[in-house]
């Protein structure tokens, strides 16, 4: 995978999502794509995991809270450089 050092405007530059088991998702995607992780950051309702490749932020993974789980609405976001 080539290393990206800059992005043109309107280019997707990262992603994040929430899941019912963030620790399993972090382990899975970490091994699949060779990502490392910073210590999870405490958010409003849960921890937010930032995954990196070569110290560059690539993705974020959040634990779904009880309200999100009961609503069964998935959350996936894509960061786009404007």
Protein backbone atom coordinates (compact mmCIF):
# COMPACT_ATOMS: atom_id res chain seq x y z
CA UNK A 1 0.00 0.00 0.00
CA UNK A 2 1.58 3.33 -0.99
CA UNK A 3 2.10 5.96 1.70
CA UNK A 4 -0.09 9.01 1.18
CA UNK A 5 1.49 12.27 2.32
CA UNK A 6 -1.10 14.75 1.03
CA UNK A 7 -4.65 14.76 -0.27
CA UNK A 8 -6.33 16.70 -3.04
CA UNK A 9 -9.53 18.55 -2.04
CA UNK A 10 -12.63 16.29 -1.85
CA UNK A 11 -10.51 13.17 -1.36
CA UNK A 12 -11.49 10.55 1.25
CA UNK A 13 -8.74 10.53 3.85
CA UNK A 14 -9.93 8.24 6.66
CA UNK A 15 -12.84 6.42 8.21
CA UNK A 16 -14.41 5.64 11.53
CA UNK A 17 -17.19 3.39 12.75
CA UNK A 18 -18.87 2.17 15.89
CA UNK A 19 -19.38 -1.46 16.82
CA UNK A 20 -20.76 -3.56 19.66
CA UNK A 21 -17.26 -4.91 20.41
CA UNK A 22 -14.59 -2.30 19.68
CA UNK A 23 -11.76 -4.39 21.14
CA UNK A 24 -12.48 -7.28 18.75
CA UNK A 25 -12.78 -4.88 15.79
CA UNK A 26 -9.47 -3.20 16.69
CA UNK A 27 -7.75 -6.60 16.92
CA UNK A 28 -9.30 -7.83 13.65
CA UNK A 29 -8.52 -4.76 11.52
CA UNK A 30 -5.15 -4.36 13.19
CA UNK A 31 -4.08 -7.84 12.12
CA UNK A 32 -5.77 -7.61 8.70
CA UNK A 33 -4.18 -4.30 7.67
CA UNK A 34 -1.13 -4.15 9.95
CA UNK A 35 -2.47 -1.25 12.00
CA UNK A 36 -1.14 -0.18 15.36
CA UNK A 37 -3.16 1.63 17.97
CA UNK A 38 -2.67 4.49 20.38
CA UNK A 39 -4.10 4.09 23.85
CA UNK A 40 -7.88 4.44 23.51
CA UNK A 41 -9.18 7.93 24.29
CA UNK A 42 -12.10 8.30 26.67
CA UNK A 43 -15.06 9.86 24.87
CA UNK A 44 -18.41 11.04 26.16
CA UNK A 45 -19.91 7.56 26.40
CA UNK A 46 -17.07 5.15 25.61
CA UNK A 47 -13.52 4.77 24.37
CA UNK A 48 -12.39 5.85 20.91
CA UNK A 49 -9.58 3.85 19.34
CA UNK A 50 -7.32 5.53 16.77
CA UNK A 51 -5.58 3.10 14.44
CA UNK A 52 -2.39 4.01 12.62
CA UNK A 53 -0.09 2.73 9.91
CA UNK A 54 3.45 4.11 10.10
CA UNK A 55 2.30 6.63 12.76
CA UNK A 56 -0.30 8.07 10.34
CA UNK A 57 -3.93 8.08 11.57
CA UNK A 58 -5.95 5.75 9.36
CA UNK A 59 -9.18 4.89 11.16
CA UNK A 60 -11.18 5.33 14.32
CA UNK A 61 -13.22 2.69 16.13
CA UNK A 62 -15.78 3.47 18.84
CA UNK A 63 -17.72 1.23 21.20
CA UNK A 64 -21.47 1.57 20.62
CA UNK A 65 -23.38 2.70 23.70
CA UNK A 66 -26.64 1.10 24.89
CA UNK A 67 -28.84 3.58 23.00
CA UNK A 68 -26.98 2.96 19.74
CA UNK A 69 -27.19 -0.80 20.23
CA UNK A 70 -30.94 -0.74 20.93
CA UNK A 71 -31.64 1.50 17.92
CA UNK A 72 -29.69 -0.92 15.69
CA UNK A 73 -28.51 1.98 13.51
CA UNK A 74 -24.95 1.46 12.28
CA UNK A 75 -22.44 4.28 12.23
CA UNK A 76 -19.76 4.48 9.56
CA UNK A 77 -18.09 7.76 8.67
CA UNK A 78 -15.66 8.82 5.99
CA UNK A 79 -13.39 11.83 6.43
CA UNK A 80 -13.08 13.97 3.32
CA UNK A 81 -10.52 16.72 2.99
CA UNK A 82 -12.19 19.94 1.88
